[in-house]
Amino acid sequence: MGELVKEVVEKVTGEFPLLEVYVFGSRARGNYLDTSDLDLALVFQKLDATKIELLEKVSKYVRGPVDIVVMSSEEAARSRLIRDAKKVWDSKKGFDLSIFQAES
């Protein structure tokens, strides 16, 4: 799953001003199954397009069992989803895929 996160980030950052990426849900909690999907929250500085338009564009880069939530940095600051999630990428610090080490 770490490789899938890298692929999504690399493709999305080439076209959109992505700030952060978080994993949430069962993978963030550590109680996922082999059949569990990957839940990603993509945080952008500002959302110029509607969320639906942005999701459609981002979805073309995603392969596999992935659910994506798109939000602005303002929404992320207020979001419970983010408080319970694990950050896996930051535009300043890069990747931290340690959450996926147990899968290797």
PDB file of N, CA and C in Angstrom:
ATOM      1  N   MET A   1       0.821  -1.207   0.000  1.00  0.00           N
ATOM      2  CA  MET A   1       0.000   0.000   0.000  1.00  0.00           C
ATOM      3  C   MET A   1       0.860   1.264   0.000  1.00  0.00           C
ATOM      4  N   GLY A   2       2.044   1.180   0.587  1.00  0.00           N
ATOM      5  CA  GLY A   2       2.933   2.337   0.589  1.00  0.00           C
ATOM      6  C   GLY A   2       3.283   2.784  -0.818  1.00  0.00           C
ATOM      7  N   GLU A   3       3.488   1.816  -1.709  1.00  0.00           N
ATOM      8  CA  GLU A   3       3.801   2.155  -3.103  1.00  0.00           C
ATOM      9  C   GLU A   3       2.618   2.835  -3.779  1.00  0.00           C
ATOM     10  N   LEU A   4       1.420   2.410  -3.443  1.00  0.00           N
ATOM     11  CA  LEU A   4       0.222   3.032  -4.003  1.00  0.00           C
ATOM     12  C   LEU A   4       0.110   4.483  -3.538  1.00  0.00           C
ATOM     13  N   VAL A   5       0.410   4.737  -2.268  1.00  0.00           N
ATOM     14  CA  VAL A   5       0.391   6.110  -1.752  1.00  0.00           C
ATOM     15  C   VAL A   5       1.409   6.958  -2.506  1.00  0.00           C
ATOM     16  N   LYS A   6       2.615   6.429  -2.692  1.00  0.00           N
ATOM     17  CA  LYS A   6       3.652   7.168  -3.429  1.00  0.00           C
ATOM     18  C   LYS A   6       3.184   7.509  -4.836  1.00  0.00           C
ATOM     19  N   GLU A   7       2.596   6.537  -5.494  1.00  0.00           N
ATOM     20  CA  GLU A   7       2.119   6.742  -6.863  1.00  0.00           C
ATOM     21  C   GLU A   7       1.050   7.832  -6.921  1.00  0.00           C
ATOM     22  N   VAL A   8       0.102   7.787  -6.011  1.00  0.00           N
ATOM     23  CA  VAL A   8      -0.954   8.804  -5.977  1.00  0.00           C
ATOM     24  C   VAL A   8      -0.352  10.182  -5.742  1.00  0.00           C
ATOM     25  N   VAL A   9       0.525  10.302  -4.748  1.00  0.00           N
ATOM     26  CA  VAL A   9       1.130  11.601  -4.425  1.00  0.00           C
ATOM     27  C   VAL A   9       1.925  12.141  -5.602  1.00  0.00           C
ATOM     28  N   GLU A  10       2.752  11.316  -6.207  1.00  0.00           N
ATOM     29  CA  GLU A  10       3.584  11.776  -7.317  1.00  0.00           C
ATOM     30  C   GLU A  10       2.741  12.262  -8.491  1.00  0.00           C
ATOM     31  N   LYS A  11       1.686  11.565  -8.796  1.00  0.00           N
ATOM     32  CA  LYS A  11       0.844  11.970  -9.919  1.00  0.00           C
ATOM     33  C   LYS A  11       0.002  13.197  -9.593  1.00  0.00           C
ATOM     34  N   VAL A  12      -0.546  13.248  -8.392  1.00  0.00           N
ATOM     35  CA  VAL A  12      -1.407  14.371  -8.015  1.00  0.00           C
ATOM     36  C   VAL A  12      -0.601  15.657  -7.874  1.00  0.00           C
ATOM     37  N   THR A  13       0.587  15.580  -7.263  1.00  0.00           N
ATOM     38  CA  THR A  13       1.382  16.799  -7.072  1.00  0.00           C
ATOM     39  C   THR A  13       1.875  17.374  -8.388  1.00  0.00           C
ATOM     40  N   GLY A  14       1.914  16.576  -9.422  1.00  0.00           N
ATOM     41  CA  GLY A  14       2.292  17.088 -10.730  1.00  0.00           C
ATOM     42  C   GLY A  14       1.239  18.002 -11.333  1.00  0.00           C
ATOM     43  N   GLU A  15       0.020  17.912 -10.844  1.00  0.00           N
ATOM     44  CA  GLU A  15      -1.081  18.685 -11.415  1.00  0.00           C
ATOM     45  C   GLU A  15      -1.785  19.606 -10.416  1.00  0.00           C
ATOM     46  N   PHE A  16      -1.718  19.279  -9.126  1.00  0.00           N
ATOM     47  CA  PHE A  16      -2.455  20.034  -8.110  1.00  0.00           C
ATOM     48  C   PHE A  16      -1.538  20.424  -6.952  1.00  0.00           C
ATOM     49  N   PRO A  17      -1.837  21.535  -6.263  1.00  0.00           N
ATOM     50  CA  PRO A  17      -1.027  21.968  -5.116  1.00  0.00           C
ATOM     51  C   PRO A  17      -1.395  21.209  -3.835  1.00  0.00           C
ATOM     52  N   LEU A  18      -0.943  19.991  -3.749  1.00  0.00           N
ATOM     53  CA  LEU A  18      -1.234  19.121  -2.612  1.00  0.00           C
ATOM     54  C   LEU A  18      -0.367  19.516  -1.418  1.00  0.00           C
ATOM     55  N   LEU A  19      -0.966  19.593  -0.221  1.00  0.00           N
ATOM     56  CA  LEU A  19      -0.223  19.933   1.002  1.00  0.00           C
ATOM     57  C   LEU A  19       0.126  18.710   1.838  1.00  0.00           C
ATOM     58  N   GLU A  20      -0.875  17.854   2.064  1.00  0.00           N
ATOM     59  CA  GLU A  20      -0.688  16.709   2.955  1.00  0.00           C
ATOM     60  C   GLU A  20      -1.561  15.545   2.503  1.00  0.00           C
ATOM     61  N   VAL A  21      -1.117  14.350   2.884  1.00  0.00           N
ATOM     62  CA  VAL A  21      -1.908  13.144   2.640  1.00  0.00           C
ATOM     63  C   VAL A  21      -1.961  12.357   3.944  1.00  0.00           C
ATOM     64  N   TYR A  22      -3.155  11.921   4.296  1.00  0.00           N
ATOM     65  CA  TYR A  22      -3.376  11.148   5.515  1.00  0.00           C
ATOM     66  C   TYR A  22      -4.021   9.816   5.173  1.00  0.00           C
ATOM     67  N   VAL A  23      -3.679   8.796   5.946  1.00  0.00           N
ATOM     68  CA  VAL A  23      -4.376   7.513   5.909  1.00  0.00           C
ATOM     69  C   VAL A  23      -5.317   7.509   7.107  1.00  0.00           C
ATOM     70  N   PHE A  24      -6.571   7.135   6.875  1.00  0.00           N
ATOM     71  CA  PHE A  24      -7.529   7.058   7.968  1.00  0.00           C
ATOM     72  C   PHE A  24      -8.273   5.734   7.891  1.00  0.00           C
ATOM     73  N   GLY A  25      -9.143   5.502   8.825  1.00  0.00           N
ATOM     74  CA  GLY A  25      -9.913   4.260   8.825  1.00  0.00           C
ATOM     75  C   GLY A  25      -9.143   3.108   9.443  1.00  0.00           C
ATOM     76  N   SER A  26      -9.447   1.899   8.992  1.00  0.00           N
ATOM     77  CA  SER A  26      -8.893   0.700   9.627  1.00  0.00           C
ATOM     78  C   SER A  26      -7.371   0.622   9.524  1.00  0.00           C
ATOM     79  N   ARG A  27      -6.793   1.104   8.443  1.00  0.00           N
ATOM     80  CA  ARG A  27      -5.325   1.057   8.332  1.00  0.00           C
ATOM     81  C   ARG A  27      -4.659   2.005   9.321  1.00  0.00           C
ATOM     82  N   ALA A  28      -5.254   3.149   9.562  1.00  0.00           N
ATOM     83  CA  ALA A  28      -4.703   4.087  10.549  1.00  0.00           C
ATOM     84  C   ALA A  28      -4.854   3.528  11.964  1.00  0.00           C
ATOM     85  N   ARG A  29      -5.941   2.829  12.211  1.00  0.00           N
ATOM     86  CA  ARG A  29      -6.175   2.243  13.538  1.00  0.00           C
ATOM     87  C   ARG A  29      -5.372   0.965  13.751  1.00  0.00           C
ATOM     88  N   GLY A  30      -4.948   0.340  12.645  1.00  0.00           N
ATOM     89  CA  GLY A  30      -4.187  -0.897  12.747  1.00  0.00           C
ATOM     90  C   GLY A  30      -5.037  -2.147  12.831  1.00  0.00           C
ATOM     91  N   ASN A  31      -6.338  -2.028  12.585  1.00  0.00           N
ATOM     92  CA  ASN A  31      -7.213  -3.204  12.665  1.00  0.00           C
ATOM     93  C   ASN A  31      -7.785  -3.583  11.296  1.00  0.00           C
ATOM     94  N   TYR A  32      -6.979  -3.418  10.260  1.00  0.00           N
ATOM     95  CA  TYR A  32      -7.419  -3.717   8.898  1.00  0.00           C
ATOM     96  C   TYR A  32      -7.269  -5.206   8.594  1.00  0.00           C
ATOM     97  N   LEU A  33      -7.974  -5.637   7.572  1.00  0.00           N
ATOM     98  CA  LEU A  33      -7.868  -6.999   7.052  1.00  0.00           C
ATOM     99  C   LEU A  33      -7.154  -6.942   5.707  1.00  0.00           C
ATOM    100  N   ASP A  34      -6.747  -8.086   5.204  1.00  0.00           N
ATOM    101  CA  ASP A  34      -6.114  -8.120   3.881  1.00  0.00           C
ATOM    102  C   ASP A  34      -7.043  -7.574   2.806  1.00  0.00           C
ATOM    103  N   THR A  35      -8.337  -7.680   3.033  1.00  0.00           N
ATOM    104  CA  THR A  35      -9.316  -7.215   2.051  1.00  0.00           C
ATOM    105  C   THR A  35      -9.728  -5.753   2.253  1.00  0.00           C
ATOM    106  N   SER A  36      -9.194  -5.102   3.284  1.00  0.00           N
ATOM    107  CA  SER A  36      -9.565  -3.707   3.569  1.00  0.00           C
ATOM    108  C   SER A  36      -9.049  -2.775   2.483  1.00  0.00           C
ATOM    109  N   ASP A  37      -9.838  -1.739   2.223  1.00  0.00           N
ATOM    110  CA  ASP A  37      -9.384  -0.741   1.264  1.00  0.00           C
ATOM    111  C   ASP A  37      -8.451   0.246   1.961  1.00  0.00           C
ATOM    112  N   LEU A  38      -7.893   1.150   1.184  1.00  0.00           N
ATOM    113  CA  LEU A  38      -7.019   2.202   1.695  1.00  0.00           C
ATOM    114  C   LEU A  38      -7.808   3.500   1.657  1.00  0.00           C
ATOM    115  N   ASP A  39      -7.957   4.141   2.811  1.00  0.00           N
ATOM    116  CA  ASP A  39      -8.677   5.410   2.906  1.00  0.00           C
ATOM    117  C   ASP A  39      -7.658   6.536   2.959  1.00  0.00           C
ATOM    118  N   LEU A  40      -7.700   7.426   1.968  1.00  0.00           N
ATOM    119  CA  LEU A  40      -6.761   8.547   1.900  1.00  0.00           C
ATOM    120  C   LEU A  40      -7.507   9.870   1.973  1.00  0.00           C
ATOM    121  N   ALA A  41      -6.973  10.790   2.749  1.00  0.00           N
ATOM    122  CA  ALA A  41      -7.465  12.168   2.775  1.00  0.00           C
ATOM    123  C   ALA A  41      -6.392  13.033   2.128  1.00  0.00           C
ATOM    124  N   LEU A  42      -6.757  13.717   1.052  1.00  0.00           N
ATOM    125  CA  LEU A  42      -5.843  14.616   0.352  1.00  0.00           C
ATOM    126  C   LEU A  42      -6.191  16.038   0.756  1.00  0.00           C
ATOM    127  N   VAL A  43      -5.203  16.752   1.283  1.00  0.00           N
ATOM    128  CA  VAL A  43      -5.427  18.107   1.785  1.00  0.00           C
ATOM    129  C   VAL A  43      -4.740  19.100   0.854  1.00  0.00           C
ATOM    130  N   PHE A  44      -5.526  20.048   0.371  1.00  0.00           N
ATOM    131  CA  PHE A  44      -5.039  21.087  -0.532  1.00  0.00           C
ATOM    132  C   PHE A  44      -5.112  22.437   0.167  1.00  0.00           C
ATOM    133  N   GLN A  45      -4.223  23.352  -0.209  1.00  0.00           N
ATOM    134  CA  GLN A  45      -4.234  24.687   0.380  1.00  0.00           C
ATOM    135  C   GLN A  45      -5.603  25.320   0.206  1.00  0.00           C
ATOM    136  N   LYS A  46      -6.088  25.243  -1.005  1.00  0.00           N
ATOM    137  CA  LYS A  46      -7.358  25.869  -1.340  1.00  0.00           C
ATOM    138  C   LYS A  46      -8.012  25.019  -2.422  1.00  0.00           C
ATOM    139  N   LEU A  47      -9.299  24.915  -2.390  1.00  0.00           N
ATOM    140  CA  LEU A  47     -10.004  24.155  -3.417  1.00  0.00           C
ATOM    141  C   LEU A  47     -10.624  25.125  -4.404  1.00  0.00           C
ATOM    142  N   ASP A  48     -10.005  25.251  -5.571  1.00  0.00           N
ATOM    143  CA  ASP A  48     -10.540  26.135  -6.600  1.00  0.00           C
ATOM    144  C   ASP A  48     -11.692  25.471  -7.349  1.00  0.00           C
ATOM    145  N   ALA A  49     -11.541  24.194  -7.614  1.00  0.00           N
ATOM    146  CA  ALA A  49     -12.598  23.443  -8.297  1.00  0.00           C
ATOM    147  C   ALA A  49     -13.548  22.890  -7.235  1.00  0.00           C
ATOM    148  N   THR A  50     -14.697  22.434  -7.679  1.00  0.00           N
ATOM    149  CA  THR A  50     -15.584  21.775  -6.728  1.00  0.00           C
ATOM    150  C   THR A  50     -14.939  20.459  -6.307  1.00  0.00           C
ATOM    151  N   LYS A  51     -15.325  19.960  -5.167  1.00  0.00           N
ATOM    152  CA  LYS A  51     -14.757  18.706  -4.681  1.00  0.00           C
ATOM    153  C   LYS A  51     -15.029  17.559  -5.646  1.00  0.00           C
ATOM    154  N   ILE A  52     -16.193  17.560  -6.248  1.00  0.00           N
ATOM    155  CA  ILE A  52     -16.531  16.481  -7.183  1.00  0.00           C
ATOM    156  C   ILE A  52     -15.611  16.519  -8.393  1.00  0.00           C
ATOM    157  N   GLU A  53     -15.369  17.698  -8.942  1.00  0.00           N
ATOM    158  CA  GLU A  53     -14.458  17.821 -10.085  1.00  0.00           C
ATOM    159  C   GLU A  53     -13.059  17.359  -9.707  1.00  0.00           C
ATOM    160  N   LEU A  54     -12.596  17.774  -8.545  1.00  0.00           N
ATOM    161  CA  LEU A  54     -11.263  17.403  -8.099  1.00  0.00           C
ATOM    162  C   LEU A  54     -11.167  15.904  -7.848  1.00  0.00           C
ATOM    163  N   LEU A  55     -12.181  15.335  -7.229  1.00  0.00           N
ATOM    164  CA  LEU A  55     -12.192  13.887  -7.003  1.00  0.00           C
ATOM    165  C   LEU A  55     -12.154  13.118  -8.313  1.00  0.00           C
ATOM    166  N   GLU A  56     -12.902  13.578  -9.298  1.00  0.00           N
ATOM    167  CA  GLU A  56     -12.900  12.910 -10.600  1.00  0.00           C
ATOM    168  C   GLU A  56     -11.511  12.953 -11.221  1.00  0.00           C
ATOM    169  N   LYS A  57     -10.847  14.100 -11.131  1.00  0.00           N
ATOM    170  CA  LYS A  57      -9.504  14.224 -11.705  1.00  0.00           C
ATOM    171  C   LYS A  57      -8.497  13.362 -10.951  1.00  0.00           C
ATOM    172  N   VAL A  58      -8.551  13.397  -9.635  1.00  0.00           N
ATOM    173  CA  VAL A  58      -7.618  12.620  -8.825  1.00  0.00           C
ATOM    174  C   VAL A  58      -7.866  11.127  -9.003  1.00  0.00           C
ATOM    175  N   SER A  59      -9.117  10.730  -9.121  1.00  0.00           N
ATOM    176  CA  SER A  59      -9.465   9.312  -9.243  1.00  0.00           C
ATOM    177  C   SER A  59      -8.847   8.659 -10.471  1.00  0.00           C
ATOM    178  N   LYS A  60      -8.558   9.422 -11.494  1.00  0.00           N
ATOM    179  CA  LYS A  60      -7.959   8.823 -12.695  1.00  0.00           C
ATOM    180  C   LYS A  60      -6.547   8.312 -12.424  1.00  0.00           C
ATOM    181  N   TYR A  61      -5.926   8.764 -11.328  1.00  0.00           N
ATOM    182  CA  TYR A  61      -4.580   8.317 -10.981  1.00  0.00           C
ATOM    183  C   TYR A  61      -4.571   7.104 -10.062  1.00  0.00           C
ATOM    184  N   VAL A  62      -5.720   6.735  -9.551  1.00  0.00           N
ATOM    185  CA  VAL A  62      -5.772   5.725  -8.503  1.00  0.00           C
ATOM    186  C   VAL A  62      -6.171   4.377  -9.074  1.00  0.00           C
ATOM    187  N   ARG A  63      -5.380   3.374  -8.708  1.00  0.00           N
ATOM    188  CA  ARG A  63      -5.711   1.997  -9.054  1.00  0.00           C
ATOM    189  C   ARG A  63      -5.864   1.221  -7.758  1.00  0.00           C
ATOM    190  N   GLY A  64      -6.787   0.306  -7.737  1.00  0.00           N
ATOM    191  CA  GLY A  64      -6.923  -0.538  -6.564  1.00  0.00           C
ATOM    192  C   GLY A  64      -7.998  -0.065  -5.602  1.00  0.00           C
ATOM    193  N   PRO A  65      -8.060  -0.746  -4.457  1.00  0.00           N
ATOM    194  CA  PRO A  65      -9.112  -0.481  -3.469  1.00  0.00           C
ATOM    195  C   PRO A  65      -8.803   0.754  -2.616  1.00  0.00           C
ATOM    196  N   VAL A  66      -9.078   1.925  -3.165  1.00  0.00           N
ATOM    197  CA  VAL A  66      -8.759   3.178  -2.477  1.00  0.00           C
ATOM    198  C   VAL A  66      -9.993   4.071  -2.446  1.00  0.00           C
ATOM    199  N   ASP A  67     -10.279   4.615  -1.264  1.00  0.00           N
ATOM    200  CA  ASP A  67     -11.314   5.637  -1.114  1.00  0.00           C
ATOM    201  C   ASP A  67     -10.606   6.942  -0.809  1.00  0.00           C
ATOM    202  N   ILE A  68     -11.011   8.008  -1.488  1.00  0.00           N
ATOM    203  CA  ILE A  68     -10.344   9.299  -1.335  1.00  0.00           C
ATOM    204  C   ILE A  68     -11.325  10.344  -0.836  1.00  0.00           C
ATOM    205  N   VAL A  69     -10.856  11.133   0.114  1.00  0.00           N
ATOM    206  CA  VAL A  69     -11.576  12.303   0.602  1.00  0.00           C
ATOM    207  C   VAL A  69     -10.703  13.503   0.268  1.00  0.00           C
ATOM    208  N   VAL A  70     -11.313  14.536  -0.285  1.00  0.00           N
ATOM    209  CA  VAL A  70     -10.599  15.761  -0.647  1.00  0.00           C
ATOM    210  C   VAL A  70     -11.070  16.875   0.270  1.00  0.00           C
ATOM    211  N   MET A  71     -10.115  17.648   0.808  1.00  0.00           N
ATOM    212  CA  MET A  71     -10.497  18.771   1.671  1.00  0.00           C
ATOM    213  C   MET A  71      -9.463  19.888   1.597  1.00  0.00           C
ATOM    214  N   SER A  72      -9.906  21.072   1.959  1.00  0.00           N
ATOM    215  CA  SER A  72      -9.004  22.220   2.027  1.00  0.00           C
ATOM    216  C   SER A  72      -8.253  22.174   3.354  1.00  0.00           C
ATOM    217  N   SER A  73      -7.200  22.963   3.465  1.00  0.00           N
ATOM    218  CA  SER A  73      -6.448  23.006   4.719  1.00  0.00           C
ATOM    219  C   SER A  73      -7.323  23.519   5.859  1.00  0.00           C
ATOM    220  N   GLU A  74      -8.241  24.423   5.558  1.00  0.00           N
ATOM    221  CA  GLU A  74      -9.164  24.919   6.594  1.00  0.00           C
ATOM    222  C   GLU A  74     -10.075  23.800   7.098  1.00  0.00           C
ATOM    223  N   GLU A  75     -10.606  23.011   6.176  1.00  0.00           N
ATOM    224  CA  GLU A  75     -11.463  21.886   6.571  1.00  0.00           C
ATOM    225  C   GLU A  75     -10.668  20.859   7.377  1.00  0.00           C
ATOM    226  N   ALA A  76      -9.438  20.611   6.946  1.00  0.00           N
ATOM    227  CA  ALA A  76      -8.597  19.630   7.636  1.00  0.00           C
ATOM    228  C   ALA A  76      -8.325  20.051   9.076  1.00  0.00           C
ATOM    229  N   ALA A  77      -8.149  21.348   9.293  1.00  0.00           N
ATOM    230  CA  ALA A  77      -7.874  21.852  10.643  1.00  0.00           C
ATOM    231  C   ALA A  77      -9.036  21.579  11.595  1.00  0.00           C
ATOM    232  N   ARG A  78     -10.239  21.484  11.060  1.00  0.00           N
ATOM    233  CA  ARG A  78     -11.435  21.252  11.881  1.00  0.00           C
ATOM    234  C   ARG A  78     -11.905  19.795  11.862  1.00  0.00           C
ATOM    235  N   SER A  79     -11.288  18.985  11.051  1.00  0.00           N
ATOM    236  CA  SER A  79     -11.809  17.649  10.784  1.00  0.00           C
ATOM    237  C   SER A  79     -11.407  16.613  11.835  1.00  0.00           C
ATOM    238  N   ARG A  80     -12.390  15.909  12.340  1.00  0.00           N
ATOM    239  CA  ARG A  80     -12.118  14.795  13.251  1.00  0.00           C
ATOM    240  C   ARG A  80     -11.407  13.666  12.500  1.00  0.00           C
ATOM    241  N   LEU A  81     -11.744  13.497  11.258  1.00  0.00           N
ATOM    242  CA  LEU A  81     -11.118  12.474  10.429  1.00  0.00           C
ATOM    243  C   LEU A  81      -9.601  12.635  10.459  1.00  0.00           C
ATOM    244  N   ILE A  82      -9.111  13.859  10.330  1.00  0.00           N
ATOM    245  CA  ILE A  82      -7.670  14.123  10.321  1.00  0.00           C
ATOM    246  C   ILE A  82      -7.069  13.895  11.704  1.00  0.00           C
ATOM    247  N   ARG A  83      -7.782  14.263  12.741  1.00  0.00           N
ATOM    248  CA  ARG A  83      -7.249  14.063  14.104  1.00  0.00           C
ATOM    249  C   ARG A  83      -6.988  12.588  14.386  1.00  0.00           C
ATOM    250  N   ASP A  84      -7.787  11.711  13.808  1.00  0.00           N
ATOM    251  CA  ASP A  84      -7.646  10.273  14.039  1.00  0.00           C
ATOM    252  C   ASP A  84      -6.815   9.572  12.966  1.00  0.00           C
ATOM    253  N   ALA A  85      -6.274  10.324  12.020  1.00  0.00           N
ATOM    254  CA  ALA A  85      -5.549   9.754  10.884  1.00  0.00           C
ATOM    255  C   ALA A  85      -4.035   9.785  11.114  1.00  0.00           C
ATOM    256  N   LYS A  86      -3.318   9.151  10.197  1.00  0.00           N
ATOM    257  CA  LYS A  86      -1.851   9.143  10.223  1.00  0.00           C
ATOM    258  C   LYS A  86      -1.352   9.873   8.978  1.00  0.00           C
ATOM    259  N   LYS A  87      -0.513  10.882   9.183  1.00  0.00           N
ATOM    260  CA  LYS A  87       0.039  11.618   8.041  1.00  0.00           C
ATOM    261  C   LYS A  87       1.099  10.755   7.364  1.00  0.00           C
ATOM    262  N   VAL A  88       0.969  10.587   6.039  1.00  0.00           N
ATOM    263  CA  VAL A  88       1.932   9.779   5.293  1.00  0.00           C
ATOM    264  C   VAL A  88       2.724  10.598   4.280  1.00  0.00           C
ATOM    265  N   TRP A  89       2.311  11.851   4.081  1.00  0.00           N
ATOM    266  CA  TRP A  89       3.061  12.722   3.172  1.00  0.00           C
ATOM    267  C   TRP A  89       2.777  14.170   3.526  1.00  0.00           C
ATOM    268  N   ASP A  90       3.822  14.981   3.399  1.00  0.00           N
ATOM    269  CA  ASP A  90       3.753  16.410   3.691  1.00  0.00           C
ATOM    270  C   ASP A  90       4.581  17.116   2.626  1.00  0.00           C
ATOM    271  N   SER A  91       4.092  18.213   2.098  1.00  0.00           N
ATOM    272  CA  SER A  91       4.795  18.907   1.017  1.00  0.00           C
ATOM    273  C   SER A  91       6.162  19.427   1.447  1.00  0.00           C
ATOM    274  N   LYS A  92       6.382  19.615   2.736  1.00  0.00           N
ATOM    275  CA  LYS A  92       7.676  20.101   3.223  1.00  0.00           C
ATOM    276  C   LYS A  92       8.605  18.971   3.653  1.00  0.00           C
ATOM    277  N   LYS A  93       8.041  17.922   4.248  1.00  0.00           N
ATOM    278  CA  LYS A  93       8.864  16.847   4.815  1.00  0.00           C
ATOM    279  C   LYS A  93       8.920  15.590   3.957  1.00  0.00           C
ATOM    280  N   GLY A  94       8.016  15.458   3.003  1.00  0.00           N
ATOM    281  CA  GLY A  94       7.992  14.274   2.156  1.00  0.00           C
ATOM    282  C   GLY A  94       7.224  13.120   2.786  1.00  0.00           C
ATOM    283  N   PHE A  95       7.666  11.895   2.469  1.00  0.00           N
ATOM    284  CA  PHE A  95       6.944  10.688   2.874  1.00  0.00           C
ATOM    285  C   PHE A  95       7.329  10.200   4.265  1.00  0.00           C
ATOM    286  N   ASP A  96       6.349   9.651   4.967  1.00  0.00           N
ATOM    287  CA  ASP A  96       6.554   8.868   6.185  1.00  0.00           C
ATOM    288  C   ASP A  96       5.609   7.682   6.061  1.00  0.00           C
ATOM    289  N   LEU A  97       6.126   6.611   5.499  1.00  0.00           N
ATOM    290  CA  LEU A  97       5.296   5.442   5.218  1.00  0.00           C
ATOM    291  C   LEU A  97       5.459   4.357   6.273  1.00  0.00           C
ATOM    292  N   SER A  98       5.912   4.738   7.460  1.00  0.00           N
ATOM    293  CA  SER A  98       6.139   3.760   8.524  1.00  0.00           C
ATOM    294  C   SER A  98       4.863   3.010   8.910  1.00  0.00           C
ATOM    295  N   ILE A  99       3.713   3.596   8.671  1.00  0.00           N
ATOM    296  CA  ILE A  99       2.440   2.931   8.960  1.00  0.00           C
ATOM    297  C   ILE A  99       2.299   1.622   8.175  1.00  0.00           C
ATOM    298  N   PHE A 100       3.006   1.520   7.052  1.00  0.00           N
ATOM    299  CA  PHE A 100       2.892   0.337   6.196  1.00  0.00           C
ATOM    300  C   PHE A 100       3.986  -0.695   6.452  1.00  0.00           C
ATOM    301  N   GLN A 101       4.895  -0.460   7.381  1.00  0.00           N
ATOM    302  CA  GLN A 101       6.009  -1.383   7.616  1.00  0.00           C
ATOM    303  C   GLN A 101       5.552  -2.775   8.013  1.00  0.00           C
ATOM    304  N   ALA A 102       4.489  -2.879   8.759  1.00  0.00           N
ATOM    305  CA  ALA A 102       3.988  -4.189   9.189  1.00  0.00           C
ATOM    306  C   ALA A 102       3.485  -5.020   8.015  1.00  0.00           C
ATOM    307  N   GLU A 103       3.179  -4.354   6.896  1.00  0.00           N
ATOM    308  CA  GLU A 103       2.655  -5.066   5.726  1.00  0.00           C
ATOM    309  C   GLU A 103       3.756  -5.719   4.910  1.00  0.00           C
ATOM    310  N   SER A 104       4.981  -5.280   5.079  1.00  0.00           N
ATOM    311  CA  SER A 104       6.093  -5.780   4.247  1.00  0.00           C
ATOM    312  C   SER A 104       6.494  -7.181   4.611  1.00  0.00           C
TER     313      SER A 104
END
